[in-house]
Amino acid sequence: MEKELPLWEVFIRSRQGLDHKHVGSLHAADAQMAIENARDVYTRRQEGVSIWVVESVHITASDPADSDPLFEPAKDKAYRHPTFYQLPEGIKHI
């Protein structure tokens, strides 16, 4: 029986953005192959300027069923909401 290649999560930074966005997953033998395959699959129109790949086994995620207790402490920190801050003129990327 042939072993399945590792699963990689792919993140692309677009020409207009400053952040990488998750665009999908793919199987590849190593990181370099994952980047090359991601380029071929997810940037066909040359819209990307940067690619990140992360092997899926290295991602730890919270359980959506635990969202209430996980995010409960943030509810009493209203000062963290961006409406409390005034940005100086000329600031474009925060």
C-alpha atoms as a PDB file:
ATOM      1  CA  MET A   1       0.000   0.000   0.000  1.00  0.00           C
ATOM      2  CA  GLU A   2       1.354   3.434  -0.986  1.00  0.00           C
ATOM      3  CA  LYS A   3       1.708   6.047   1.771  1.00  0.00           C
ATOM      4  CA  GLU A   4      -0.332   9.226   1.253  1.00  0.00           C
ATOM      5  CA  LEU A   5       1.636  12.457   0.956  1.00  0.00           C
ATOM      6  CA  PRO A   6       1.322  14.975   3.822  1.00  0.00           C
ATOM      7  CA  LEU A   7      -1.449  17.569   3.692  1.00  0.00           C
ATOM      8  CA  TRP A   8      -0.378  21.242   3.516  1.00  0.00           C
ATOM      9  CA  GLU A   9      -2.450  24.359   4.156  1.00  0.00           C
ATOM     10  CA  VAL A  10      -1.830  27.168   1.664  1.00  0.00           C
ATOM     11  CA  PHE A  11      -1.894  30.914   2.375  1.00  0.00           C
ATOM     12  CA  ILE A  12      -1.515  33.533  -0.376  1.00  0.00           C
ATOM     13  CA  ARG A  13      -0.774  37.237  -0.054  1.00  0.00           C
ATOM     14  CA  SER A  14      -2.440  39.131  -2.877  1.00  0.00           C
ATOM     15  CA  ARG A  15      -0.956  42.144  -4.633  1.00  0.00           C
ATOM     16  CA  GLN A  16      -3.517  44.418  -2.931  1.00  0.00           C
ATOM     17  CA  GLY A  17      -3.202  42.979   0.586  1.00  0.00           C
ATOM     18  CA  LEU A  18      -0.789  42.983   3.463  1.00  0.00           C
ATOM     19  CA  ASP A  19      -1.954  39.718   4.976  1.00  0.00           C
ATOM     20  CA  HIS A  20      -1.899  36.118   3.833  1.00  0.00           C
ATOM     21  CA  LYS A  21      -5.294  34.439   3.380  1.00  0.00           C
ATOM     22  CA  HIS A  22      -6.007  30.722   3.552  1.00  0.00           C
ATOM     23  CA  VAL A  23      -6.912  29.565   0.052  1.00  0.00           C
ATOM     24  CA  GLY A  24      -6.967  25.799   0.379  1.00  0.00           C
ATOM     25  CA  SER A  25      -5.044  22.608   0.957  1.00  0.00           C
ATOM     26  CA  LEU A  26      -2.943  20.217  -1.095  1.00  0.00           C
ATOM     27  CA  HIS A  27      -0.797  17.112  -0.733  1.00  0.00           C
ATOM     28  CA  ALA A  28       2.967  17.339  -1.315  1.00  0.00           C
ATOM     29  CA  ALA A  29       6.106  15.428  -0.327  1.00  0.00           C
ATOM     30  CA  ASP A  30       7.868  18.469   1.195  1.00  0.00           C
ATOM     31  CA  ALA A  31       7.606  22.231   1.679  1.00  0.00           C
ATOM     32  CA  GLN A  32       9.281  23.142  -1.612  1.00  0.00           C
ATOM     33  CA  MET A  33       6.932  20.890  -3.580  1.00  0.00           C
ATOM     34  CA  ALA A  34       3.985  22.347  -1.636  1.00  0.00           C
ATOM     35  CA  ILE A  35       5.005  25.899  -2.590  1.00  0.00           C
ATOM     36  CA  GLU A  36       5.438  24.960  -6.259  1.00  0.00           C
ATOM     37  CA  ASN A  37       2.112  23.114  -6.350  1.00  0.00           C
ATOM     38  CA  ALA A  38       0.392  26.001  -4.532  1.00  0.00           C
ATOM     39  CA  ARG A  39       1.774  28.420  -7.116  1.00  0.00           C
ATOM     40  CA  ASP A  40       0.412  26.258  -9.937  1.00  0.00           C
ATOM     41  CA  VAL A  41      -2.988  25.643  -8.339  1.00  0.00           C
ATOM     42  CA  TYR A  42      -3.792  28.872  -6.469  1.00  0.00           C
ATOM     43  CA  THR A  43      -2.037  31.673  -8.398  1.00  0.00           C
ATOM     44  CA  ARG A  44      -2.922  30.915 -12.002  1.00  0.00           C
ATOM     45  CA  ARG A  45      -3.695  34.571 -12.716  1.00  0.00           C
ATOM     46  CA  GLN A  46      -0.490  35.847 -11.088  1.00  0.00           C
ATOM     47  CA  GLU A  47      -2.478  37.492  -8.303  1.00  0.00           C
ATOM     48  CA  GLY A  48      -0.112  36.486  -5.512  1.00  0.00           C
ATOM     49  CA  VAL A  49       3.132  38.013  -4.267  1.00  0.00           C
ATOM     50  CA  SER A  50       3.881  35.550  -1.466  1.00  0.00           C
ATOM     51  CA  ILE A  51       2.962  31.965  -0.580  1.00  0.00           C
ATOM     52  CA  TRP A  52       3.037  30.324   2.833  1.00  0.00           C
ATOM     53  CA  VAL A  53       2.576  26.584   3.280  1.00  0.00           C
ATOM     54  CA  VAL A  54       2.140  24.881   6.639  1.00  0.00           C
ATOM     55  CA  GLU A  55       1.963  21.154   7.097  1.00  0.00           C
ATOM     56  CA  SER A  56      -1.500  20.500   8.524  1.00  0.00           C
ATOM     57  CA  VAL A  57      -0.207  18.310  11.368  1.00  0.00           C
ATOM     58  CA  HIS A  58       1.491  21.401  12.827  1.00  0.00           C
ATOM     59  CA  ILE A  59      -1.743  23.389  13.164  1.00  0.00           C
ATOM     60  CA  THR A  60      -3.556  23.357  16.478  1.00  0.00           C
ATOM     61  CA  ALA A  61      -7.130  24.619  16.416  1.00  0.00           C
ATOM     62  CA  SER A  62      -9.737  25.344  19.028  1.00  0.00           C
ATOM     63  CA  ASP A  63     -12.979  23.394  19.011  1.00  0.00           C
ATOM     64  CA  PRO A  64     -15.938  25.501  17.757  1.00  0.00           C
ATOM     65  CA  ALA A  65     -18.081  23.829  20.446  1.00  0.00           C
ATOM     66  CA  ASP A  66     -15.854  25.510  23.051  1.00  0.00           C
ATOM     67  CA  SER A  67     -16.127  29.009  21.573  1.00  0.00           C
ATOM     68  CA  ASP A  68     -18.255  30.498  24.370  1.00  0.00           C
ATOM     69  CA  PRO A  69     -15.883  29.679  27.251  1.00  0.00           C
ATOM     70  CA  LEU A  70     -12.822  30.372  25.091  1.00  0.00           C
ATOM     71  CA  PHE A  71     -13.885  33.876  24.048  1.00  0.00           C
ATOM     72  CA  GLU A  72     -15.778  34.829  27.240  1.00  0.00           C
ATOM     73  CA  PRO A  73     -12.799  36.690  28.827  1.00  0.00           C
ATOM     74  CA  ALA A  74     -12.623  39.071  25.851  1.00  0.00           C
ATOM     75  CA  LYS A  75     -16.187  40.319  26.418  1.00  0.00           C
ATOM     76  CA  ASP A  76     -15.171  42.431  29.412  1.00  0.00           C
ATOM     77  CA  LYS A  77     -12.347  44.178  27.531  1.00  0.00           C
ATOM     78  CA  ALA A  78     -14.331  46.705  25.518  1.00  0.00           C
ATOM     79  CA  TYR A  79     -11.326  49.045  25.485  1.00  0.00           C
ATOM     80  CA  ARG A  80      -9.766  46.701  22.920  1.00  0.00           C
ATOM     81  CA  HIS A  81     -12.431  47.579  20.383  1.00  0.00           C
ATOM     82  CA  PRO A  82     -10.970  49.821  17.648  1.00  0.00           C
ATOM     83  CA  THR A  83     -13.691  52.466  18.038  1.00  0.00           C
ATOM     84  CA  PHE A  84     -11.848  53.737  21.132  1.00  0.00           C
ATOM     85  CA  TYR A  85      -8.835  54.869  19.102  1.00  0.00           C
ATOM     86  CA  GLN A  86      -8.344  57.776  16.732  1.00  0.00           C
ATOM     87  CA  LEU A  87      -5.870  57.151  13.930  1.00  0.00           C
ATOM     88  CA  PRO A  88      -3.628  60.021  12.872  1.00  0.00           C
ATOM     89  CA  GLU A  89      -4.138  61.255   9.332  1.00  0.00           C
ATOM     90  CA  GLY A  90      -1.804  59.659   6.836  1.00  0.00           C
ATOM     91  CA  ILE A  91      -1.767  56.239   8.527  1.00  0.00           C
ATOM     92  CA  LYS A  92      -2.736  53.712   5.881  1.00  0.00           C
ATOM     93  CA  HIS A  93      -1.942  50.241   7.239  1.00  0.00           C
ATOM     94  CA  ILE A  94      -2.650  49.144  10.780  1.00  0.00           C
END
